[in-house]
Amino acid sequence: MSHSPGPAPATDPARRRRLVAGLVALAAVTLVLDQATKAWALQALDEGVRRQVLGDLLGLQLLFNPGAALGIATGTTWLLTIVAIVVVVVIVRVAGRLGSRAWAVALGLLLGGALGNLTDRIVRDPGVFRGHVVDFIAYLDWFVGNVADIAIVVAAGMLMLLSLMGIRLDGTRESRAEPEDAPAAPAAPTGPAAPETPTRRDG
């Protein structure tokens, strides 16, 4: 079964500008909230000391993470910085094709989260593009994250859902096509067959 593209969306520059503006605004709010909560954590929390919020389920614990979530890739901070920059550039480039509000929300969260952690990698110790990310939200004994991580995870979930639903960046939706060639039905008989005429023999 093949998929055929949905109808092309009508060009609406005003709507597209509103979607891009919403994306940028959401990214800015996410970035500011991320950096503000990190600044609070640096002032209010002691490194490595956990404060319980919801028992063992949720707590506050200040950590400086050189890698990605779950402590992955701790020795490749520079590579994670490059990945974050690429994500930001890609979002900026595709934003001009936006036609879906859900895509605008997902990309806004992703952009804000990427910029939040990228800011840490640029401005924090031990150096530019090698800075450690401030984490302070502790989930059980699994991992410690931040607001930017939450935004990135929510965005990733939305993008997966949009993909499964067949909703494209421009707002069109994939639709299932009918089978191109249906098997031909057998031809119906045109009428009863005429009886054979016996051959007369003289002898």
N, C-alpha and C. Protein backbone atom coordinates (compact mmCIF):
# COMPACT_ATOMS: atom_id res chain seq x y z
N MET A 1 0.86 -1.18 0.00
CA MET A 1 0.00 0.00 0.00
C MET A 1 0.89 1.23 0.00
N SER A 2 0.74 2.09 -0.94
CA SER A 2 1.58 3.27 -1.05
C SER A 2 0.89 4.46 -0.42
N HIS A 3 1.69 5.51 -0.14
CA HIS A 3 1.16 6.74 0.41
C HIS A 3 1.27 7.84 -0.62
N SER A 4 0.23 8.60 -0.76
CA SER A 4 0.27 9.73 -1.68
C SER A 4 0.21 11.01 -0.88
N PRO A 5 0.92 12.05 -1.29
CA PRO A 5 0.91 13.29 -0.55
C PRO A 5 -0.45 13.94 -0.56
N GLY A 6 -0.77 14.65 0.54
CA GLY A 6 -2.02 15.38 0.60
C GLY A 6 -1.95 16.59 -0.29
N PRO A 7 -3.04 17.31 -0.40
CA PRO A 7 -3.06 18.49 -1.26
C PRO A 7 -2.12 19.56 -0.75
N ALA A 8 -1.53 20.31 -1.68
CA ALA A 8 -0.59 21.35 -1.30
C ALA A 8 -1.32 22.44 -0.54
N PRO A 9 -0.72 22.93 0.59
CA PRO A 9 -1.39 23.94 1.37
C PRO A 9 -1.43 25.27 0.64
N ALA A 10 -2.48 26.05 0.89
CA ALA A 10 -2.55 27.37 0.29
C ALA A 10 -1.47 28.26 0.90
N THR A 11 -0.82 29.05 0.08
CA THR A 11 0.21 29.94 0.56
C THR A 11 -0.42 31.03 1.41
N ASP A 12 0.03 31.13 2.66
CA ASP A 12 -0.51 32.14 3.58
C ASP A 12 0.66 32.73 4.35
N PRO A 13 1.33 33.73 3.79
CA PRO A 13 2.50 34.31 4.45
C PRO A 13 2.20 34.84 5.84
N ALA A 14 1.02 35.39 6.05
CA ALA A 14 0.69 35.95 7.36
C ALA A 14 0.62 34.85 8.41
N ARG A 15 -0.03 33.73 8.07
CA ARG A 15 -0.10 32.60 9.01
C ARG A 15 1.29 32.05 9.28
N ARG A 16 2.11 31.95 8.24
CA ARG A 16 3.46 31.42 8.42
C ARG A 16 4.29 32.32 9.33
N ARG A 17 4.13 33.63 9.16
CA ARG A 17 4.86 34.56 10.03
C ARG A 17 4.41 34.41 11.48
N ARG A 18 3.11 34.19 11.69
CA ARG A 18 2.61 34.00 13.05
C ARG A 18 3.18 32.72 13.66
N LEU A 19 3.25 31.67 12.88
CA LEU A 19 3.80 30.41 13.38
C LEU A 19 5.28 30.55 13.73
N VAL A 20 6.03 31.22 12.86
CA VAL A 20 7.45 31.44 13.14
C VAL A 20 7.62 32.30 14.38
N ALA A 21 6.78 33.34 14.51
CA ALA A 21 6.86 34.20 15.69
C ALA A 21 6.55 33.40 16.96
N GLY A 22 5.57 32.50 16.88
CA GLY A 22 5.25 31.66 18.03
C GLY A 22 6.40 30.73 18.37
N LEU A 23 7.02 30.15 17.35
CA LEU A 23 8.18 29.28 17.56
C LEU A 23 9.28 30.04 18.28
N VAL A 24 9.61 31.23 17.79
CA VAL A 24 10.69 32.02 18.39
C VAL A 24 10.34 32.42 19.82
N ALA A 25 9.09 32.82 20.05
CA ALA A 25 8.67 33.22 21.39
C ALA A 25 8.77 32.06 22.38
N LEU A 26 8.31 30.88 21.96
CA LEU A 26 8.38 29.71 22.83
C LEU A 26 9.82 29.32 23.11
N ALA A 27 10.67 29.39 22.09
CA ALA A 27 12.09 29.10 22.28
C ALA A 27 12.72 30.09 23.27
N ALA A 28 12.36 31.37 23.15
CA ALA A 28 12.91 32.38 24.05
C ALA A 28 12.46 32.15 25.49
N VAL A 29 11.18 31.84 25.68
CA VAL A 29 10.66 31.58 27.03
C VAL A 29 11.36 30.36 27.63
N THR A 30 11.53 29.31 26.83
CA THR A 30 12.20 28.10 27.30
C THR A 30 13.64 28.41 27.69
N LEU A 31 14.34 29.17 26.87
CA LEU A 31 15.73 29.52 27.15
C LEU A 31 15.84 30.34 28.43
N VAL A 32 15.00 31.36 28.58
CA VAL A 32 15.05 32.21 29.77
C VAL A 32 14.71 31.40 31.03
N LEU A 33 13.68 30.55 30.95
CA LEU A 33 13.30 29.73 32.10
C LEU A 33 14.42 28.77 32.47
N ASP A 34 15.05 28.18 31.47
CA ASP A 34 16.15 27.25 31.72
C ASP A 34 17.32 27.96 32.42
N GLN A 35 17.74 29.10 31.88
CA GLN A 35 18.88 29.79 32.46
C GLN A 35 18.55 30.38 33.83
N ALA A 36 17.32 30.84 34.02
CA ALA A 36 16.92 31.39 35.32
C ALA A 36 16.92 30.31 36.40
N THR A 37 16.39 29.14 36.08
CA THR A 37 16.37 28.06 37.07
C THR A 37 17.77 27.53 37.35
N LYS A 38 18.63 27.54 36.35
CA LYS A 38 20.02 27.14 36.58
C LYS A 38 20.73 28.14 37.49
N ALA A 39 20.48 29.43 37.27
CA ALA A 39 21.08 30.46 38.13
C ALA A 39 20.60 30.29 39.57
N TRP A 40 19.30 29.99 39.73
CA TRP A 40 18.78 29.74 41.07
C TRP A 40 19.46 28.53 41.70
N ALA A 41 19.60 27.45 40.94
CA ALA A 41 20.21 26.23 41.47
C ALA A 41 21.65 26.49 41.92
N LEU A 42 22.39 27.29 41.16
CA LEU A 42 23.77 27.59 41.54
C LEU A 42 23.84 28.36 42.85
N GLN A 43 22.83 29.17 43.13
CA GLN A 43 22.81 29.96 44.36
C GLN A 43 22.25 29.18 45.54
N ALA A 44 21.27 28.32 45.29
CA ALA A 44 20.51 27.72 46.39
C ALA A 44 20.95 26.31 46.75
N LEU A 45 21.62 25.62 45.86
CA LEU A 45 21.94 24.21 46.09
C LEU A 45 23.43 24.01 46.25
N ASP A 46 23.77 22.98 47.01
CA ASP A 46 25.17 22.56 47.17
C ASP A 46 25.43 21.38 46.25
N GLU A 47 26.56 21.41 45.59
CA GLU A 47 26.88 20.36 44.61
C GLU A 47 26.87 18.98 45.26
N GLY A 48 26.15 18.07 44.65
CA GLY A 48 26.12 16.68 45.09
C GLY A 48 25.20 16.39 46.26
N VAL A 49 24.61 17.41 46.88
CA VAL A 49 23.72 17.21 48.03
C VAL A 49 22.28 17.21 47.54
N ARG A 50 21.57 16.14 47.84
CA ARG A 50 20.20 15.99 47.33
C ARG A 50 19.17 16.47 48.34
N ARG A 51 18.21 17.27 47.84
CA ARG A 51 17.06 17.68 48.63
C ARG A 51 15.83 16.98 48.10
N GLN A 52 15.11 16.31 48.98
CA GLN A 52 13.92 15.60 48.54
C GLN A 52 12.76 16.58 48.32
N VAL A 53 12.05 16.37 47.22
CA VAL A 53 10.85 17.15 46.91
C VAL A 53 9.62 16.27 46.99
N LEU A 54 9.66 15.13 46.32
CA LEU A 54 8.60 14.12 46.39
C LEU A 54 9.22 12.79 46.81
N GLY A 55 9.74 12.75 48.00
CA GLY A 55 10.40 11.55 48.48
C GLY A 55 11.58 11.18 47.60
N ASP A 56 11.69 9.89 47.29
CA ASP A 56 12.76 9.44 46.40
C ASP A 56 12.42 9.63 44.93
N LEU A 57 11.16 9.99 44.66
CA LEU A 57 10.72 10.11 43.27
C LEU A 57 11.35 11.32 42.59
N LEU A 58 11.39 12.45 43.27
CA LEU A 58 11.87 13.69 42.67
C LEU A 58 12.63 14.49 43.71
N GLY A 59 13.77 15.04 43.29
CA GLY A 59 14.57 15.83 44.21
C GLY A 59 15.35 16.90 43.49
N LEU A 60 16.11 17.67 44.26
CA LEU A 60 16.98 18.71 43.72
C LEU A 60 18.42 18.38 44.10
N GLN A 61 19.27 18.30 43.09
CA GLN A 61 20.67 17.92 43.32
C GLN A 61 21.53 18.58 42.26
N LEU A 62 22.42 19.45 42.68
CA LEU A 62 23.25 20.20 41.74
C LEU A 62 24.40 19.35 41.22
N LEU A 63 24.49 19.26 39.90
CA LEU A 63 25.58 18.54 39.24
C LEU A 63 26.04 19.35 38.04
N PHE A 64 27.29 19.13 37.65
CA PHE A 64 27.84 19.74 36.44
C PHE A 64 28.17 18.62 35.46
N ASN A 65 27.41 18.57 34.38
CA ASN A 65 27.44 17.44 33.46
C ASN A 65 28.25 17.76 32.21
N PRO A 66 29.36 17.06 31.97
CA PRO A 66 30.14 17.29 30.75
C PRO A 66 29.58 16.57 29.53
N GLY A 67 28.61 15.68 29.75
CA GLY A 67 28.08 14.89 28.64
C GLY A 67 26.62 15.18 28.37
N ALA A 68 25.93 14.15 27.88
CA ALA A 68 24.50 14.28 27.58
C ALA A 68 23.69 13.72 28.74
N ALA A 69 22.38 13.59 28.55
CA ALA A 69 21.52 13.03 29.58
C ALA A 69 21.96 11.61 29.92
N LEU A 70 21.71 11.22 31.17
CA LEU A 70 22.06 9.88 31.67
C LEU A 70 23.57 9.68 31.73
N GLY A 71 24.35 10.77 31.69
CA GLY A 71 25.80 10.65 31.76
C GLY A 71 26.44 10.08 30.52
N ILE A 72 25.75 10.14 29.39
CA ILE A 72 26.27 9.59 28.14
C ILE A 72 27.27 10.55 27.52
N ALA A 73 28.31 10.00 26.90
CA ALA A 73 29.29 10.79 26.12
C ALA A 73 29.95 11.88 26.97
N THR A 74 30.40 11.51 28.16
CA THR A 74 31.00 12.50 29.05
C THR A 74 32.34 13.01 28.54
N GLY A 75 32.99 12.28 27.66
CA GLY A 75 34.29 12.72 27.16
C GLY A 75 34.23 13.42 25.82
N THR A 76 33.04 13.71 25.33
CA THR A 76 32.91 14.32 24.00
C THR A 76 32.04 15.58 24.06
N THR A 77 32.36 16.45 25.02
CA THR A 77 31.59 17.69 25.17
C THR A 77 31.59 18.51 23.89
N TRP A 78 32.74 18.57 23.22
CA TRP A 78 32.85 19.36 21.99
C TRP A 78 31.93 18.82 20.90
N LEU A 79 31.78 17.49 20.84
CA LEU A 79 30.91 16.88 19.83
C LEU A 79 29.44 17.22 20.12
N LEU A 80 29.06 17.17 21.38
CA LEU A 80 27.69 17.53 21.74
C LEU A 80 27.41 18.99 21.43
N THR A 81 28.43 19.84 21.58
CA THR A 81 28.27 21.25 21.23
C THR A 81 27.99 21.41 19.74
N ILE A 82 28.73 20.67 18.92
CA ILE A 82 28.53 20.73 17.46
C ILE A 82 27.13 20.23 17.10
N VAL A 83 26.69 19.14 17.74
CA VAL A 83 25.35 18.61 17.47
C VAL A 83 24.28 19.64 17.80
N ALA A 84 24.44 20.33 18.94
CA ALA A 84 23.47 21.35 19.33
C ALA A 84 23.44 22.49 18.33
N ILE A 85 24.61 22.90 17.84
CA ILE A 85 24.66 23.98 16.85
C ILE A 85 23.97 23.55 15.56
N VAL A 86 24.20 22.31 15.14
CA VAL A 86 23.56 21.80 13.92
C VAL A 86 22.04 21.79 14.08
N VAL A 87 21.55 21.36 15.24
CA VAL A 87 20.10 21.33 15.50
C VAL A 87 19.52 22.73 15.39
N VAL A 88 20.20 23.71 15.97
CA VAL A 88 19.72 25.10 15.92
C VAL A 88 19.67 25.59 14.47
N VAL A 89 20.72 25.32 13.71
CA VAL A 89 20.78 25.77 12.31
C VAL A 89 19.66 25.13 11.49
N VAL A 90 19.44 23.83 11.68
CA VAL A 90 18.40 23.13 10.92
C VAL A 90 17.02 23.71 11.23
N ILE A 91 16.74 23.96 12.51
CA ILE A 91 15.44 24.52 12.87
C ILE A 91 15.24 25.89 12.24
N VAL A 92 16.28 26.71 12.27
CA VAL A 92 16.18 28.05 11.67
C VAL A 92 15.90 27.95 10.18
N ARG A 93 16.53 26.99 9.52
CA ARG A 93 16.37 26.85 8.07
C ARG A 93 14.98 26.35 7.68
N VAL A 94 14.42 25.43 8.46
CA VAL A 94 13.12 24.85 8.08
C VAL A 94 11.95 25.68 8.58
N ALA A 95 12.20 26.64 9.46
CA ALA A 95 11.10 27.41 10.04
C ALA A 95 10.29 28.14 8.98
N GLY A 96 10.93 28.51 7.87
CA GLY A 96 10.23 29.23 6.81
C GLY A 96 9.20 28.40 6.09
N ARG A 97 9.18 27.09 6.31
CA ARG A 97 8.20 26.22 5.66
C ARG A 97 7.07 25.80 6.60
N LEU A 98 7.02 26.40 7.78
CA LEU A 98 6.02 26.00 8.77
C LEU A 98 4.60 26.23 8.28
N GLY A 99 3.75 25.24 8.53
CA GLY A 99 2.33 25.38 8.24
C GLY A 99 1.48 24.69 9.28
N SER A 100 2.14 24.19 10.34
CA SER A 100 1.45 23.43 11.38
C SER A 100 1.75 24.03 12.74
N ARG A 101 0.70 24.28 13.53
CA ARG A 101 0.89 24.83 14.87
C ARG A 101 1.61 23.83 15.77
N ALA A 102 1.28 22.55 15.64
CA ALA A 102 1.92 21.53 16.47
C ALA A 102 3.42 21.46 16.17
N TRP A 103 3.78 21.55 14.89
CA TRP A 103 5.20 21.56 14.53
C TRP A 103 5.88 22.80 15.10
N ALA A 104 5.21 23.93 15.09
CA ALA A 104 5.79 25.16 15.64
C ALA A 104 6.08 25.00 17.13
N VAL A 105 5.15 24.38 17.87
CA VAL A 105 5.36 24.16 19.30
C VAL A 105 6.53 23.21 19.53
N ALA A 106 6.55 22.09 18.79
CA ALA A 106 7.62 21.11 18.96
C ALA A 106 8.99 21.71 18.65
N LEU A 107 9.09 22.43 17.54
CA LEU A 107 10.37 23.02 17.16
C LEU A 107 10.76 24.16 18.10
N GLY A 108 9.78 24.89 18.62
CA GLY A 108 10.08 25.94 19.59
C GLY A 108 10.68 25.37 20.86
N LEU A 109 10.09 24.29 21.36
CA LEU A 109 10.64 23.63 22.55
C LEU A 109 12.03 23.06 22.28
N LEU A 110 12.19 22.43 21.11
CA LEU A 110 13.48 21.85 20.77
C LEU A 110 14.55 22.93 20.64
N LEU A 111 14.21 24.04 19.99
CA LEU A 111 15.17 25.13 19.83
C LEU A 111 15.54 25.74 21.18
N GLY A 112 14.55 26.00 22.02
CA GLY A 112 14.83 26.56 23.33
C GLY A 112 15.67 25.64 24.19
N GLY A 113 15.36 24.33 24.16
CA GLY A 113 16.15 23.38 24.94
C GLY A 113 17.58 23.27 24.44
N ALA A 114 17.73 23.21 23.12
CA ALA A 114 19.08 23.13 22.55
C ALA A 114 19.90 24.37 22.88
N LEU A 115 19.28 25.55 22.78
CA LEU A 115 19.99 26.79 23.10
C LEU A 115 20.32 26.87 24.59
N GLY A 116 19.44 26.34 25.45
CA GLY A 116 19.70 26.37 26.88
C GLY A 116 20.96 25.61 27.25
N ASN A 117 21.08 24.38 26.78
CA ASN A 117 22.28 23.59 27.10
C ASN A 117 23.49 24.08 26.31
N LEU A 118 23.27 24.59 25.09
CA LEU A 118 24.38 25.13 24.31
C LEU A 118 24.99 26.35 25.01
N THR A 119 24.14 27.17 25.61
CA THR A 119 24.65 28.33 26.35
C THR A 119 25.60 27.89 27.45
N ASP A 120 25.24 26.84 28.18
CA ASP A 120 26.13 26.33 29.23
C ASP A 120 27.45 25.87 28.65
N ARG A 121 27.41 25.18 27.53
CA ARG A 121 28.64 24.64 26.95
C ARG A 121 29.55 25.75 26.43
N ILE A 122 28.97 26.91 26.13
CA ILE A 122 29.78 28.02 25.62
C ILE A 122 30.35 28.87 26.75
N VAL A 123 29.54 29.15 27.77
CA VAL A 123 29.94 30.16 28.77
C VAL A 123 30.47 29.58 30.07
N ARG A 124 30.26 28.32 30.35
CA ARG A 124 30.65 27.79 31.65
C ARG A 124 32.00 27.09 31.58
N ASP A 125 32.57 26.87 32.77
CA ASP A 125 33.86 26.17 32.88
C ASP A 125 33.71 24.74 32.41
N PRO A 126 34.78 24.15 31.87
CA PRO A 126 36.16 24.63 31.87
C PRO A 126 36.56 25.50 30.68
N GLY A 127 35.65 25.77 29.72
CA GLY A 127 36.04 26.62 28.61
C GLY A 127 34.99 26.65 27.52
N VAL A 128 35.21 27.52 26.55
CA VAL A 128 34.27 27.68 25.44
C VAL A 128 34.11 26.37 24.67
N PHE A 129 32.87 25.98 24.41
CA PHE A 129 32.49 24.74 23.72
C PHE A 129 32.83 23.49 24.52
N ARG A 130 33.38 23.66 25.73
CA ARG A 130 33.69 22.52 26.59
C ARG A 130 33.03 22.66 27.96
N GLY A 131 32.15 23.65 28.07
CA GLY A 131 31.52 23.91 29.37
C GLY A 131 30.61 22.79 29.82
N HIS A 132 30.51 22.64 31.14
CA HIS A 132 29.65 21.61 31.72
C HIS A 132 28.25 22.17 31.95
N VAL A 133 27.26 21.37 31.64
CA VAL A 133 25.85 21.78 31.76
C VAL A 133 25.40 21.67 33.21
N VAL A 134 24.66 22.67 33.67
CA VAL A 134 24.12 22.66 35.03
C VAL A 134 22.86 21.81 35.07
N ASP A 135 22.89 20.73 35.85
CA ASP A 135 21.73 19.87 36.07
C ASP A 135 21.34 19.94 37.53
N PHE A 136 20.05 19.87 37.82
CA PHE A 136 19.63 19.99 39.22
C PHE A 136 18.31 19.29 39.54
N ILE A 137 17.61 18.75 38.55
CA ILE A 137 16.34 18.05 38.80
C ILE A 137 16.63 16.55 38.80
N ALA A 138 16.52 15.92 39.98
CA ALA A 138 16.88 14.51 40.14
C ALA A 138 15.64 13.63 40.08
N TYR A 139 15.66 12.66 39.18
CA TYR A 139 14.55 11.72 39.00
C TYR A 139 14.96 10.36 39.57
N LEU A 140 14.34 9.98 40.70
CA LEU A 140 14.72 8.74 41.38
C LEU A 140 16.25 8.69 41.51
N ASP A 141 16.82 7.53 41.20
CA ASP A 141 18.28 7.43 41.15
C ASP A 141 18.74 7.25 39.71
N TRP A 142 17.88 7.65 38.77
CA TRP A 142 18.17 7.41 37.36
C TRP A 142 19.10 8.45 36.78
N PHE A 143 18.69 9.71 36.83
CA PHE A 143 19.52 10.76 36.24
C PHE A 143 19.10 12.11 36.79
N VAL A 144 19.94 13.10 36.52
CA VAL A 144 19.68 14.48 36.94
C VAL A 144 19.65 15.34 35.68
N GLY A 145 18.62 16.17 35.54
CA GLY A 145 18.49 16.98 34.33
C GLY A 145 18.16 18.42 34.65
N ASN A 146 17.59 19.11 33.67
CA ASN A 146 17.25 20.52 33.83
C ASN A 146 16.03 20.85 32.97
N VAL A 147 15.64 22.11 32.95
CA VAL A 147 14.46 22.52 32.18
C VAL A 147 14.67 22.31 30.68
N ALA A 148 15.88 22.57 30.20
CA ALA A 148 16.17 22.36 28.77
C ALA A 148 15.97 20.91 28.38
N ASP A 149 16.38 19.99 29.25
CA ASP A 149 16.20 18.56 28.96
C ASP A 149 14.72 18.22 28.87
N ILE A 150 13.91 18.78 29.77
CA ILE A 150 12.46 18.52 29.73
C ILE A 150 11.88 18.99 28.40
N ALA A 151 12.27 20.19 27.97
CA ALA A 151 11.76 20.72 26.70
C ALA A 151 12.16 19.84 25.53
N ILE A 152 13.40 19.35 25.54
CA ILE A 152 13.88 18.51 24.45
C ILE A 152 13.12 17.18 24.41
N VAL A 153 12.88 16.58 25.58
CA VAL A 153 12.17 15.30 25.62
C VAL A 153 10.73 15.47 25.15
N VAL A 154 10.05 16.53 25.60
CA VAL A 154 8.68 16.79 25.16
C VAL A 154 8.64 17.02 23.65
N ALA A 155 9.60 17.79 23.13
CA ALA A 155 9.66 18.05 21.69
C ALA A 155 9.87 16.77 20.91
N ALA A 156 10.77 15.91 21.39
CA ALA A 156 11.03 14.65 20.70
C ALA A 156 9.77 13.79 20.66
N GLY A 157 9.03 13.74 21.77
CA GLY A 157 7.78 12.98 21.79
C GLY A 157 6.76 13.53 20.81
N MET A 158 6.65 14.85 20.74
CA MET A 158 5.71 15.47 19.80
C MET A 158 6.10 15.19 18.35
N LEU A 159 7.39 15.27 18.05
CA LEU A 159 7.84 15.02 16.68
C LEU A 159 7.58 13.57 16.26
N MET A 160 7.77 12.64 17.19
CA MET A 160 7.47 11.24 16.89
C MET A 160 5.98 11.05 16.63
N LEU A 161 5.15 11.69 17.46
CA LEU A 161 3.70 11.56 17.30
C LEU A 161 3.24 12.18 15.98
N LEU A 162 3.77 13.34 15.64
CA LEU A 162 3.41 13.98 14.37
C LEU A 162 3.81 13.12 13.19
N SER A 163 4.97 12.49 13.30
CA SER A 163 5.42 11.61 12.22
C SER A 163 4.49 10.40 12.07
N LEU A 164 4.11 9.80 13.21
CA LEU A 164 3.22 8.65 13.16
C LEU A 164 1.84 9.02 12.61
N MET A 165 1.40 10.24 12.88
CA MET A 165 0.10 10.71 12.39
C MET A 165 0.16 11.18 10.95
N GLY A 166 1.36 11.24 10.38
CA GLY A 166 1.50 11.64 8.99
C GLY A 166 1.34 13.13 8.76
N ILE A 167 1.55 13.94 9.80
CA ILE A 167 1.42 15.39 9.66
C ILE A 167 2.79 15.97 9.33
N ARG A 168 2.86 16.66 8.21
CA ARG A 168 4.13 17.21 7.75
C ARG A 168 4.36 18.61 8.31
N LEU A 169 5.59 19.09 8.11
CA LEU A 169 5.99 20.41 8.58
C LEU A 169 5.08 21.51 8.04
N ASP A 170 4.67 21.37 6.78
CA ASP A 170 3.85 22.42 6.15
C ASP A 170 2.36 22.29 6.47
N GLY A 171 2.01 21.33 7.30
CA GLY A 171 0.62 21.16 7.71
C GLY A 171 -0.17 20.17 6.90
N THR A 172 0.39 19.66 5.80
CA THR A 172 -0.32 18.65 5.01
C THR A 172 -0.24 17.31 5.73
N ARG A 173 -1.13 16.43 5.36
CA ARG A 173 -1.20 15.11 5.99
C ARG A 173 -1.11 14.03 4.92
N GLU A 174 -0.33 13.00 5.21
CA GLU A 174 -0.24 11.87 4.29
C GLU A 174 -1.58 11.15 4.26
N SER A 175 -1.98 10.69 3.05
CA SER A 175 -3.22 9.93 2.90
C SER A 175 -2.93 8.66 2.14
N ARG A 176 -3.67 7.63 2.49
CA ARG A 176 -3.47 6.34 1.82
C ARG A 176 -4.10 6.37 0.44
N ALA A 177 -3.35 5.89 -0.56
CA ALA A 177 -3.86 5.86 -1.94
C ALA A 177 -4.59 4.55 -2.19
N GLU A 178 -5.56 4.62 -3.07
CA GLU A 178 -6.27 3.41 -3.49
C GLU A 178 -5.34 2.56 -4.35
N PRO A 179 -5.55 1.22 -4.38
CA PRO A 179 -4.72 0.38 -5.24
C PRO A 179 -4.78 0.85 -6.68
N GLU A 180 -3.62 0.92 -7.32
CA GLU A 180 -3.57 1.45 -8.69
C GLU A 180 -4.24 0.52 -9.69
N ASP A 181 -3.97 -0.77 -9.63
CA ASP A 181 -4.50 -1.71 -10.61
C ASP A 181 -5.26 -2.81 -9.88
N ALA A 182 -6.59 -2.81 -9.99
CA ALA A 182 -7.39 -3.88 -9.40
C ALA A 182 -7.41 -5.06 -10.36
N PRO A 183 -7.40 -6.30 -9.85
CA PRO A 183 -7.44 -7.46 -10.74
C PRO A 183 -8.73 -7.49 -11.54
N ALA A 184 -8.61 -7.81 -12.83
CA ALA A 184 -9.78 -7.84 -13.72
C ALA A 184 -10.68 -9.02 -13.36
N ALA A 185 -12.00 -8.77 -13.34
CA ALA A 185 -12.96 -9.83 -13.04
C ALA A 185 -13.12 -10.71 -14.27
N PRO A 186 -13.38 -12.01 -14.07
CA PRO A 186 -13.58 -12.89 -15.24
C PRO A 186 -14.79 -12.46 -16.05
N ALA A 187 -14.69 -12.58 -17.37
CA ALA A 187 -15.79 -12.15 -18.26
C ALA A 187 -17.00 -13.05 -18.07
N ALA A 188 -18.17 -12.44 -17.98
CA ALA A 188 -19.40 -13.20 -17.82
C ALA A 188 -19.80 -13.82 -19.15
N PRO A 189 -20.42 -15.04 -19.15
CA PRO A 189 -20.86 -15.65 -20.42
C PRO A 189 -21.95 -14.82 -21.08
N THR A 190 -21.91 -14.72 -22.40
CA THR A 190 -22.87 -13.89 -23.14
C THR A 190 -24.21 -14.59 -23.35
N GLY A 191 -24.28 -15.89 -23.22
CA GLY A 191 -25.54 -16.61 -23.42
C GLY A 191 -25.29 -18.10 -23.43
N PRO A 192 -26.38 -18.91 -23.48
CA PRO A 192 -26.18 -20.37 -23.48
C PRO A 192 -25.54 -20.83 -24.78
N ALA A 193 -24.70 -21.82 -24.66
CA ALA A 193 -24.02 -22.34 -25.85
C ALA A 193 -25.03 -23.10 -26.73
N ALA A 194 -24.93 -22.94 -28.06
CA ALA A 194 -25.83 -23.64 -28.99
C ALA A 194 -25.47 -25.11 -29.06
N PRO A 195 -26.51 -26.02 -29.10
CA PRO A 195 -26.21 -27.46 -29.16
C PRO A 195 -25.59 -27.83 -30.50
N GLU A 196 -24.73 -28.84 -30.45
CA GLU A 196 -24.08 -29.27 -31.69
C GLU A 196 -25.10 -30.00 -32.59
N THR A 197 -25.01 -29.79 -33.91
CA THR A 197 -25.89 -30.48 -34.87
C THR A 197 -25.24 -31.80 -35.27
N PRO A 198 -25.98 -32.95 -35.07
CA PRO A 198 -25.36 -34.25 -35.41
C PRO A 198 -25.13 -34.37 -36.92
N THR A 199 -24.05 -35.01 -37.27
CA THR A 199 -23.71 -35.22 -38.69
C THR A 199 -24.36 -36.51 -39.19
N ARG A 200 -25.11 -36.40 -40.28
CA ARG A 200 -25.79 -37.59 -40.83
C ARG A 200 -24.85 -38.34 -41.75
N ARG A 201 -24.83 -39.66 -41.60
CA ARG A 201 -23.99 -40.50 -42.45
C ARG A 201 -24.89 -41.36 -43.34
N ASP A 202 -24.56 -41.46 -44.63
CA ASP A 202 -25.28 -42.34 -45.56
C ASP A 202 -24.47 -43.62 -45.73
N GLY A 203 -25.10 -44.72 -45.60
CA GLY A 203 -24.37 -45.95 -45.83
C GLY A 203 -25.27 -47.13 -45.92
